[in-house]
Amino acid sequence: MISVKKTITTGVAAVLGVGALSMAVPASAYVVCNAAGDCWRTHRHYDYQPNFGVTVYDDNWYRAHRHDRAYHWRGWHDNRGYYRDGVWISF
């Protein structure tokens, strides 16, 4: 018969292990920029239409360019869309 203490200890260790793994794997994020230099972050890699005139980058690009003065960092949006002339356009 398995003791209650051993069962609890095993359960706690499993929960801590899963928590450690989730912290070790970074959440993927993307940066999208338009030709005017407006950039924003997103958690999804949407298939933007070519006529939107945007480019999608990964987190490494963001870390390398987040302080560049050539880019205007815009606010986060929960819905799909893009910036044009500083205005958010939903699609």
C-alpha atoms as a PDB file:
ATOM      1  CA  MET A   1       0.000   0.000   0.000  1.00  0.00           C
ATOM      2  CA  ILE A   2       1.311   3.428  -0.973  1.00  0.00           C
ATOM      3  CA  SER A   3       1.464   5.899   1.851  1.00  0.00           C
ATOM      4  CA  VAL A   4      -0.475   9.149   1.688  1.00  0.00           C
ATOM      5  CA  LYS A   5       2.692  11.148   2.400  1.00  0.00           C
ATOM      6  CA  LYS A   6       4.495   9.600  -0.590  1.00  0.00           C
ATOM      7  CA  THR A   7       1.501  10.256  -2.855  1.00  0.00           C
ATOM      8  CA  ILE A   8       1.328  13.911  -1.810  1.00  0.00           C
ATOM      9  CA  THR A   9       5.091  14.363  -2.181  1.00  0.00           C
ATOM     10  CA  THR A  10       5.013  12.860  -5.675  1.00  0.00           C
ATOM     11  CA  GLY A  11       2.091  15.091  -6.678  1.00  0.00           C
ATOM     12  CA  VAL A  12       3.778  18.246  -5.410  1.00  0.00           C
ATOM     13  CA  ALA A  13       7.002  17.332  -7.232  1.00  0.00           C
ATOM     14  CA  ALA A  14       5.076  16.806 -10.462  1.00  0.00           C
ATOM     15  CA  VAL A  15       3.327  20.180 -10.172  1.00  0.00           C
ATOM     16  CA  LEU A  16       6.618  21.958  -9.457  1.00  0.00           C
ATOM     17  CA  GLY A  17       8.262  20.218 -12.406  1.00  0.00           C
ATOM     18  CA  VAL A  18       5.534  21.304 -14.802  1.00  0.00           C
ATOM     19  CA  GLY A  19       5.742  24.863 -13.453  1.00  0.00           C
ATOM     20  CA  ALA A  20       9.499  24.946 -14.004  1.00  0.00           C
ATOM     21  CA  LEU A  21       9.097  23.738 -17.578  1.00  0.00           C
ATOM     22  CA  SER A  22       6.496  26.371 -18.371  1.00  0.00           C
ATOM     23  CA  MET A  23       8.838  29.099 -17.136  1.00  0.00           C
ATOM     24  CA  ALA A  24      11.765  27.725 -19.165  1.00  0.00           C
ATOM     25  CA  VAL A  25       9.891  27.816 -22.491  1.00  0.00           C
ATOM     26  CA  PRO A  26       9.315  31.429 -23.575  1.00  0.00           C
ATOM     27  CA  ALA A  27       5.976  32.375 -25.063  1.00  0.00           C
ATOM     28  CA  SER A  28       6.305  33.000 -28.737  1.00  0.00           C
ATOM     29  CA  ALA A  29       5.562  36.526 -29.806  1.00  0.00           C
ATOM     30  CA  TYR A  30       5.865  38.398 -33.035  1.00  0.00           C
ATOM     31  CA  VAL A  31       6.400  41.966 -34.111  1.00  0.00           C
ATOM     32  CA  VAL A  32       4.628  43.453 -37.108  1.00  0.00           C
ATOM     33  CA  CYS A  33       5.791  46.664 -38.775  1.00  0.00           C
ATOM     34  CA  ASN A  34       4.415  48.677 -41.650  1.00  0.00           C
ATOM     35  CA  ALA A  35       6.400  50.747 -44.146  1.00  0.00           C
ATOM     36  CA  ALA A  36       5.829  53.928 -42.091  1.00  0.00           C
ATOM     37  CA  GLY A  37       7.670  52.374 -39.112  1.00  0.00           C
ATOM     38  CA  ASP A  38       4.604  51.684 -36.965  1.00  0.00           C
ATOM     39  CA  CYS A  39       5.287  48.445 -35.061  1.00  0.00           C
ATOM     40  CA  TRP A  40       3.237  46.389 -32.628  1.00  0.00           C
ATOM     41  CA  ARG A  41       3.514  43.052 -30.868  1.00  0.00           C
ATOM     42  CA  THR A  42       1.230  40.073 -31.289  1.00  0.00           C
ATOM     43  CA  HIS A  43       1.077  36.506 -29.969  1.00  0.00           C
ATOM     44  CA  ARG A  44      -0.060  35.112 -33.312  1.00  0.00           C
ATOM     45  CA  HIS A  45       1.505  35.038 -36.726  1.00  0.00           C
ATOM     46  CA  TYR A  46      -1.435  36.156 -38.837  1.00  0.00           C
ATOM     47  CA  ASP A  47      -1.392  35.794 -42.608  1.00  0.00           C
ATOM     48  CA  TYR A  48      -1.436  39.459 -43.526  1.00  0.00           C
ATOM     49  CA  GLN A  49      -2.477  40.294 -47.071  1.00  0.00           C
ATOM     50  CA  PRO A  50       0.353  41.716 -49.218  1.00  0.00           C
ATOM     51  CA  ASN A  51      -1.663  44.900 -49.813  1.00  0.00           C
ATOM     52  CA  PHE A  52      -1.508  45.648 -46.035  1.00  0.00           C
ATOM     53  CA  GLY A  53       2.191  46.444 -46.525  1.00  0.00           C
ATOM     54  CA  VAL A  54       3.395  44.888 -43.259  1.00  0.00           C
ATOM     55  CA  THR A  55       6.299  42.627 -42.328  1.00  0.00           C
ATOM     56  CA  VAL A  56       6.265  40.086 -39.482  1.00  0.00           C
ATOM     57  CA  TYR A  57       9.355  39.584 -37.333  1.00  0.00           C
ATOM     58  CA  ASP A  58      10.172  37.317 -34.378  1.00  0.00           C
ATOM     59  CA  ASP A  59      11.156  38.202 -30.810  1.00  0.00           C
ATOM     60  CA  ASN A  60      14.854  38.309 -31.709  1.00  0.00           C
ATOM     61  CA  TRP A  61      14.160  41.157 -34.125  1.00  0.00           C
ATOM     62  CA  TYR A  62      12.219  42.986 -31.416  1.00  0.00           C
ATOM     63  CA  ARG A  63      15.072  42.700 -28.919  1.00  0.00           C
ATOM     64  CA  ALA A  64      17.526  44.017 -31.516  1.00  0.00           C
ATOM     65  CA  HIS A  65      15.357  46.976 -32.639  1.00  0.00           C
ATOM     66  CA  ARG A  66      13.117  47.961 -29.731  1.00  0.00           C
ATOM     67  CA  HIS A  67      15.143  51.103 -29.028  1.00  0.00           C
ATOM     68  CA  ASP A  68      15.627  52.179 -32.650  1.00  0.00           C
ATOM     69  CA  ARG A  69      14.235  55.651 -33.261  1.00  0.00           C
ATOM     70  CA  ALA A  70      13.099  54.645 -36.754  1.00  0.00           C
ATOM     71  CA  TYR A  71      10.198  52.653 -35.305  1.00  0.00           C
ATOM     72  CA  HIS A  72       7.074  53.876 -33.531  1.00  0.00           C
ATOM     73  CA  TRP A  73       5.915  51.278 -31.003  1.00  0.00           C
ATOM     74  CA  ARG A  74       2.130  51.144 -30.972  1.00  0.00           C
ATOM     75  CA  GLY A  75      -0.225  49.666 -28.402  1.00  0.00           C
ATOM     76  CA  TRP A  76      -1.305  46.077 -28.085  1.00  0.00           C
ATOM     77  CA  HIS A  77      -4.575  44.944 -29.685  1.00  0.00           C
ATOM     78  CA  ASP A  78      -6.486  41.764 -28.921  1.00  0.00           C
ATOM     79  CA  ASN A  79      -8.154  41.659 -32.312  1.00  0.00           C
ATOM     80  CA  ARG A  80      -6.650  41.037 -35.736  1.00  0.00           C
ATOM     81  CA  GLY A  81      -5.582  44.040 -37.710  1.00  0.00           C
ATOM     82  CA  TYR A  82      -2.791  46.417 -38.590  1.00  0.00           C
ATOM     83  CA  TYR A  83      -1.808  50.056 -38.307  1.00  0.00           C
ATOM     84  CA  ARG A  84      -2.148  52.444 -41.246  1.00  0.00           C
ATOM     85  CA  ASP A  85      -1.236  56.110 -40.773  1.00  0.00           C
ATOM     86  CA  GLY A  86      -1.199  55.583 -37.005  1.00  0.00           C
ATOM     87  CA  VAL A  87      -4.777  54.183 -36.944  1.00  0.00           C
ATOM     88  CA  TRP A  88      -5.659  50.589 -36.094  1.00  0.00           C
ATOM     89  CA  ILE A  89      -7.531  48.834 -38.918  1.00  0.00           C
ATOM     90  CA  SER A  90      -9.333  45.639 -37.856  1.00  0.00           C
ATOM     91  CA  PHE A  91      -9.874  42.763 -40.240  1.00  0.00           C
END
